[in-house]
């Protein structure tokens, strides 16, 4: 199962997110759930670093199967907040299409 954790501060602003695990929908290289989640998350990270003024610390852990963590060093901009909203929207569509046994996300306040 892919697990996504998104953290928000007391004002509801996103402060970090982490993505861990594998979907297990199909064999490695054939897993469309994993591919879809990866595309959404990597696009979000690329947009945060390339298209916004947000100051983020991005960690990619290849040794643990490609786990990704992103931490906002400063309060996220409106654009950064919107990109996380878009990421969550995309993940929700994948979860609806393929079921909650392959993908789980939580927003922690």
N, C-alpha and C. Protein backbone atom coordinates (compact mmCIF):
# COMPACT_ATOMS: atom_id res chain seq x y z
N UNK A 1 0.84 -1.18 0.00
CA UNK A 1 0.00 0.00 0.00
C UNK A 1 0.89 1.24 0.00
N UNK A 2 0.48 2.23 -0.77
CA UNK A 2 1.15 3.53 -0.75
C UNK A 2 0.49 4.36 0.34
N UNK A 3 1.31 4.95 1.17
CA UNK A 3 0.81 5.80 2.25
C UNK A 3 1.34 7.22 2.05
N UNK A 4 0.40 8.16 2.05
CA UNK A 4 0.74 9.58 1.90
C UNK A 4 0.29 10.29 3.16
N UNK A 5 1.20 11.02 3.76
CA UNK A 5 0.88 11.82 4.94
C UNK A 5 1.15 13.28 4.61
N UNK A 6 0.14 14.11 4.82
CA UNK A 6 0.26 15.54 4.57
C UNK A 6 0.05 16.24 5.90
N UNK A 7 0.99 17.11 6.25
CA UNK A 7 0.91 17.84 7.52
C UNK A 7 0.50 19.28 7.30
N UNK A 8 -0.34 19.77 8.20
CA UNK A 8 -0.75 21.18 8.19
C UNK A 8 -0.49 21.78 9.57
N UNK A 9 -0.30 23.09 9.59
CA UNK A 9 -0.14 23.78 10.87
C UNK A 9 -1.50 24.19 11.44
N UNK A 10 -1.48 24.89 12.56
CA UNK A 10 -2.72 25.26 13.25
C UNK A 10 -3.62 26.14 12.39
N UNK A 11 -3.04 26.88 11.44
CA UNK A 11 -3.85 27.74 10.55
C UNK A 11 -4.35 26.98 9.32
N UNK A 12 -3.99 25.72 9.19
CA UNK A 12 -4.43 24.92 8.06
C UNK A 12 -3.51 24.97 6.86
N UNK A 13 -2.35 25.63 6.99
CA UNK A 13 -1.39 25.71 5.88
C UNK A 13 -0.56 24.42 5.83
N UNK A 14 -0.33 23.92 4.64
CA UNK A 14 0.49 22.72 4.49
C UNK A 14 1.93 23.02 4.90
N UNK A 15 2.52 22.07 5.61
CA UNK A 15 3.91 22.23 6.07
C UNK A 15 4.82 21.13 5.54
N UNK A 16 4.27 19.98 5.15
CA UNK A 16 5.09 18.87 4.67
C UNK A 16 4.21 17.78 4.09
N UNK A 17 4.83 16.90 3.31
CA UNK A 17 4.17 15.66 2.93
C UNK A 17 5.21 14.58 2.69
N UNK A 18 4.77 13.33 2.91
CA UNK A 18 5.62 12.16 2.76
C UNK A 18 4.86 11.08 2.00
N UNK A 19 5.58 10.38 1.13
CA UNK A 19 4.99 9.30 0.36
C UNK A 19 5.88 8.07 0.54
N UNK A 20 5.26 6.97 0.98
CA UNK A 20 6.01 5.74 1.25
C UNK A 20 5.25 4.53 0.74
N UNK A 21 6.01 3.49 0.37
CA UNK A 21 5.43 2.21 0.05
C UNK A 21 5.16 1.99 -1.43
N UNK A 22 4.58 0.83 -1.69
CA UNK A 22 4.22 0.42 -3.05
C UNK A 22 2.77 -0.02 -3.06
N UNK A 23 2.11 0.22 -4.16
CA UNK A 23 0.68 -0.07 -4.24
C UNK A 23 0.40 -1.57 -4.16
N UNK A 24 1.17 -2.37 -4.86
CA UNK A 24 0.88 -3.80 -4.89
C UNK A 24 -0.29 -4.16 -5.78
N UNK A 25 -0.66 -3.28 -6.67
CA UNK A 25 -1.76 -3.55 -7.59
C UNK A 25 -1.37 -4.59 -8.64
N UNK A 26 -0.10 -4.52 -9.06
CA UNK A 26 0.41 -5.45 -10.07
C UNK A 26 1.92 -5.62 -9.85
N UNK A 27 2.53 -6.44 -10.68
CA UNK A 27 3.98 -6.65 -10.59
C UNK A 27 4.73 -5.34 -10.85
N UNK A 28 5.94 -5.27 -10.31
CA UNK A 28 6.80 -4.10 -10.55
C UNK A 28 6.94 -3.89 -12.06
N UNK A 29 6.83 -2.64 -12.47
CA UNK A 29 6.89 -2.30 -13.88
C UNK A 29 5.55 -2.37 -14.59
N UNK A 30 4.56 -2.95 -13.95
CA UNK A 30 3.21 -3.08 -14.52
C UNK A 30 2.16 -2.41 -13.63
N UNK A 31 2.58 -1.84 -12.53
CA UNK A 31 1.66 -1.33 -11.51
C UNK A 31 1.20 0.08 -11.87
N UNK A 32 0.00 0.17 -12.44
CA UNK A 32 -0.49 1.47 -12.89
C UNK A 32 -0.88 2.38 -11.73
N UNK A 33 -1.25 1.82 -10.60
CA UNK A 33 -1.55 2.66 -9.43
C UNK A 33 -0.28 3.33 -8.96
N UNK A 34 0.79 2.56 -8.84
CA UNK A 34 2.07 3.12 -8.42
C UNK A 34 2.56 4.17 -9.42
N UNK A 35 2.41 3.88 -10.70
CA UNK A 35 2.84 4.82 -11.74
C UNK A 35 2.03 6.12 -11.67
N UNK A 36 0.72 6.01 -11.46
CA UNK A 36 -0.12 7.20 -11.37
C UNK A 36 0.22 8.05 -10.17
N UNK A 37 0.38 7.42 -9.01
CA UNK A 37 0.74 8.16 -7.80
C UNK A 37 2.11 8.81 -7.98
N UNK A 38 3.05 8.06 -8.53
CA UNK A 38 4.40 8.61 -8.74
C UNK A 38 4.36 9.83 -9.65
N UNK A 39 3.60 9.74 -10.72
CA UNK A 39 3.51 10.86 -11.66
C UNK A 39 2.93 12.10 -10.99
N UNK A 40 1.87 11.91 -10.22
CA UNK A 40 1.25 13.06 -9.54
C UNK A 40 2.20 13.66 -8.53
N UNK A 41 2.84 12.82 -7.72
CA UNK A 41 3.72 13.33 -6.65
C UNK A 41 4.97 13.98 -7.24
N UNK A 42 5.60 13.35 -8.21
CA UNK A 42 6.81 13.92 -8.80
C UNK A 42 6.49 15.22 -9.53
N UNK A 43 5.36 15.28 -10.20
CA UNK A 43 4.96 16.54 -10.84
C UNK A 43 4.75 17.64 -9.81
N UNK A 44 4.14 17.30 -8.68
CA UNK A 44 3.93 18.28 -7.61
C UNK A 44 5.28 18.80 -7.10
N UNK A 45 6.21 17.89 -6.85
CA UNK A 45 7.54 18.30 -6.37
C UNK A 45 8.23 19.18 -7.40
N UNK A 46 8.19 18.77 -8.68
CA UNK A 46 8.83 19.57 -9.72
C UNK A 46 8.21 20.96 -9.84
N UNK A 47 6.88 21.03 -9.74
CA UNK A 47 6.21 22.33 -9.82
C UNK A 47 6.56 23.21 -8.61
N UNK A 48 6.61 22.61 -7.43
CA UNK A 48 6.99 23.37 -6.24
C UNK A 48 8.38 23.97 -6.38
N UNK A 49 9.33 23.17 -6.89
CA UNK A 49 10.71 23.66 -6.98
C UNK A 49 10.96 24.54 -8.19
N UNK A 50 10.25 24.31 -9.30
CA UNK A 50 10.53 25.03 -10.54
C UNK A 50 9.61 26.22 -10.80
N UNK A 51 8.38 26.18 -10.27
CA UNK A 51 7.39 27.18 -10.68
C UNK A 51 6.89 28.07 -9.55
N UNK A 52 7.34 27.83 -8.32
CA UNK A 52 6.90 28.67 -7.21
C UNK A 52 8.10 29.27 -6.49
N UNK A 53 7.81 30.17 -5.60
CA UNK A 53 8.85 30.78 -4.76
C UNK A 53 9.01 30.02 -3.44
N UNK A 54 8.36 28.87 -3.31
CA UNK A 54 8.41 28.11 -2.07
C UNK A 54 9.81 27.57 -1.81
N UNK A 55 10.20 27.60 -0.55
CA UNK A 55 11.48 27.07 -0.10
C UNK A 55 11.21 25.70 0.51
N UNK A 56 11.52 24.64 -0.25
CA UNK A 56 11.22 23.29 0.20
C UNK A 56 12.50 22.45 0.28
N UNK A 57 12.49 21.54 1.24
CA UNK A 57 13.54 20.54 1.36
C UNK A 57 12.95 19.24 0.83
N UNK A 58 13.54 18.72 -0.23
CA UNK A 58 13.04 17.51 -0.87
C UNK A 58 14.04 16.38 -0.62
N UNK A 59 13.54 15.27 -0.13
CA UNK A 59 14.38 14.08 0.11
C UNK A 59 13.78 12.91 -0.66
N UNK A 60 14.64 12.25 -1.42
CA UNK A 60 14.23 11.07 -2.18
C UNK A 60 15.10 9.91 -1.71
N UNK A 61 14.49 8.89 -1.17
CA UNK A 61 15.21 7.78 -0.58
C UNK A 61 15.11 6.55 -1.48
N UNK A 62 16.08 6.40 -2.39
CA UNK A 62 16.08 5.27 -3.32
C UNK A 62 16.27 3.94 -2.61
N UNK A 63 17.00 3.95 -1.51
CA UNK A 63 17.26 2.70 -0.79
C UNK A 63 16.00 2.09 -0.21
N UNK A 64 15.00 2.90 0.09
CA UNK A 64 13.74 2.41 0.64
C UNK A 64 12.64 2.42 -0.41
N UNK A 65 12.99 2.19 -1.64
CA UNK A 65 11.99 2.04 -2.69
C UNK A 65 11.45 3.33 -3.27
N UNK A 66 12.16 4.42 -3.07
CA UNK A 66 11.73 5.67 -3.67
C UNK A 66 10.85 6.55 -2.81
N UNK A 67 10.91 6.36 -1.50
CA UNK A 67 10.14 7.22 -0.59
C UNK A 67 10.53 8.68 -0.82
N UNK A 68 9.53 9.55 -0.74
CA UNK A 68 9.75 10.98 -0.96
C UNK A 68 9.21 11.75 0.24
N UNK A 69 9.98 12.75 0.69
CA UNK A 69 9.47 13.66 1.71
C UNK A 69 9.78 15.09 1.27
N UNK A 70 8.82 15.96 1.52
CA UNK A 70 8.94 17.38 1.19
C UNK A 70 8.54 18.17 2.42
N UNK A 71 9.41 19.09 2.82
CA UNK A 71 9.14 19.94 3.98
C UNK A 71 9.27 21.40 3.52
N UNK A 72 8.25 22.19 3.81
CA UNK A 72 8.32 23.62 3.53
C UNK A 72 9.18 24.27 4.61
N UNK A 73 10.27 24.93 4.22
CA UNK A 73 11.16 25.58 5.19
C UNK A 73 10.53 26.86 5.73
N UNK A 74 9.71 27.48 4.91
CA UNK A 74 8.96 28.69 5.30
C UNK A 74 7.50 28.43 4.96
N UNK A 75 6.64 29.30 5.42
CA UNK A 75 5.21 29.15 5.13
C UNK A 75 5.01 29.03 3.63
N UNK A 76 4.23 28.04 3.23
CA UNK A 76 3.98 27.81 1.81
C UNK A 76 3.21 28.98 1.21
N UNK A 77 3.56 29.31 -0.03
CA UNK A 77 2.86 30.36 -0.75
C UNK A 77 1.47 29.85 -1.16
N UNK A 78 0.66 30.77 -1.66
CA UNK A 78 -0.64 30.37 -2.18
C UNK A 78 -0.50 29.35 -3.31
N UNK A 79 0.51 29.56 -4.16
CA UNK A 79 0.75 28.60 -5.25
C UNK A 79 1.12 27.24 -4.69
N UNK A 80 1.97 27.21 -3.68
CA UNK A 80 2.36 25.94 -3.06
C UNK A 80 1.18 25.23 -2.43
N UNK A 81 0.33 26.00 -1.77
CA UNK A 81 -0.87 25.42 -1.16
C UNK A 81 -1.77 24.82 -2.24
N UNK A 82 -1.93 25.56 -3.33
CA UNK A 82 -2.77 25.09 -4.43
C UNK A 82 -2.22 23.80 -5.04
N UNK A 83 -0.91 23.71 -5.21
CA UNK A 83 -0.31 22.51 -5.77
C UNK A 83 -0.55 21.29 -4.88
N UNK A 84 -0.49 21.46 -3.57
CA UNK A 84 -0.77 20.34 -2.67
C UNK A 84 -2.25 19.97 -2.76
N UNK A 85 -3.12 20.96 -2.85
CA UNK A 85 -4.55 20.67 -3.07
C UNK A 85 -4.74 19.85 -4.34
N UNK A 86 -4.04 20.22 -5.41
CA UNK A 86 -4.15 19.50 -6.68
C UNK A 86 -3.61 18.08 -6.55
N UNK A 87 -2.51 17.91 -5.82
CA UNK A 87 -1.96 16.57 -5.60
C UNK A 87 -2.98 15.70 -4.88
N UNK A 88 -3.58 16.24 -3.82
CA UNK A 88 -4.57 15.48 -3.07
C UNK A 88 -5.79 15.15 -3.93
N UNK A 89 -6.18 16.07 -4.78
CA UNK A 89 -7.31 15.84 -5.69
C UNK A 89 -7.00 14.67 -6.62
N UNK A 90 -5.82 14.66 -7.19
CA UNK A 90 -5.42 13.56 -8.07
C UNK A 90 -5.34 12.23 -7.34
N UNK A 91 -4.80 12.24 -6.13
CA UNK A 91 -4.71 11.02 -5.34
C UNK A 91 -6.10 10.49 -5.00
N UNK A 92 -7.02 11.39 -4.71
CA UNK A 92 -8.38 10.97 -4.41
C UNK A 92 -9.01 10.27 -5.62
N UNK A 93 -8.77 10.78 -6.82
CA UNK A 93 -9.32 10.14 -8.02
C UNK A 93 -8.73 8.75 -8.21
N UNK A 94 -7.44 8.58 -7.95
CA UNK A 94 -6.83 7.25 -8.05
C UNK A 94 -7.44 6.32 -7.01
N UNK A 95 -7.59 6.81 -5.80
CA UNK A 95 -8.17 5.99 -4.74
C UNK A 95 -9.60 5.57 -5.09
N UNK A 96 -10.38 6.47 -5.64
CA UNK A 96 -11.76 6.14 -6.03
C UNK A 96 -11.78 5.10 -7.15
N UNK A 97 -10.87 5.23 -8.08
CA UNK A 97 -10.83 4.33 -9.24
C UNK A 97 -10.37 2.92 -8.87
N UNK A 98 -9.35 2.84 -8.00
CA UNK A 98 -8.71 1.54 -7.74
C UNK A 98 -8.93 1.02 -6.33
N UNK A 99 -9.47 1.82 -5.45
CA UNK A 99 -9.78 1.35 -4.11
C UNK A 99 -8.75 1.70 -3.07
N UNK A 100 -9.21 1.72 -1.84
CA UNK A 100 -8.39 2.13 -0.72
C UNK A 100 -7.38 1.10 -0.24
N UNK A 101 -7.38 -0.08 -0.83
CA UNK A 101 -6.39 -1.06 -0.38
C UNK A 101 -5.03 -0.86 -1.02
N UNK A 102 -4.95 0.04 -2.02
CA UNK A 102 -3.68 0.31 -2.69
C UNK A 102 -3.10 1.67 -2.32
N UNK A 103 -3.95 2.57 -1.86
CA UNK A 103 -3.52 3.94 -1.57
C UNK A 103 -4.29 4.48 -0.38
N UNK A 104 -3.55 5.02 0.55
CA UNK A 104 -4.17 5.68 1.69
C UNK A 104 -3.44 7.01 1.89
N UNK A 105 -4.24 8.05 2.12
CA UNK A 105 -3.61 9.33 2.47
C UNK A 105 -4.33 9.90 3.67
N UNK A 106 -3.58 10.63 4.44
CA UNK A 106 -4.16 11.30 5.59
C UNK A 106 -3.59 12.71 5.69
N UNK A 107 -4.44 13.61 6.18
CA UNK A 107 -4.03 14.99 6.43
C UNK A 107 -4.00 15.16 7.92
N UNK A 108 -2.83 15.50 8.44
CA UNK A 108 -2.67 15.66 9.89
C UNK A 108 -2.55 17.14 10.22
N UNK A 109 -3.39 17.55 11.18
CA UNK A 109 -3.37 18.94 11.65
C UNK A 109 -2.54 19.05 12.91
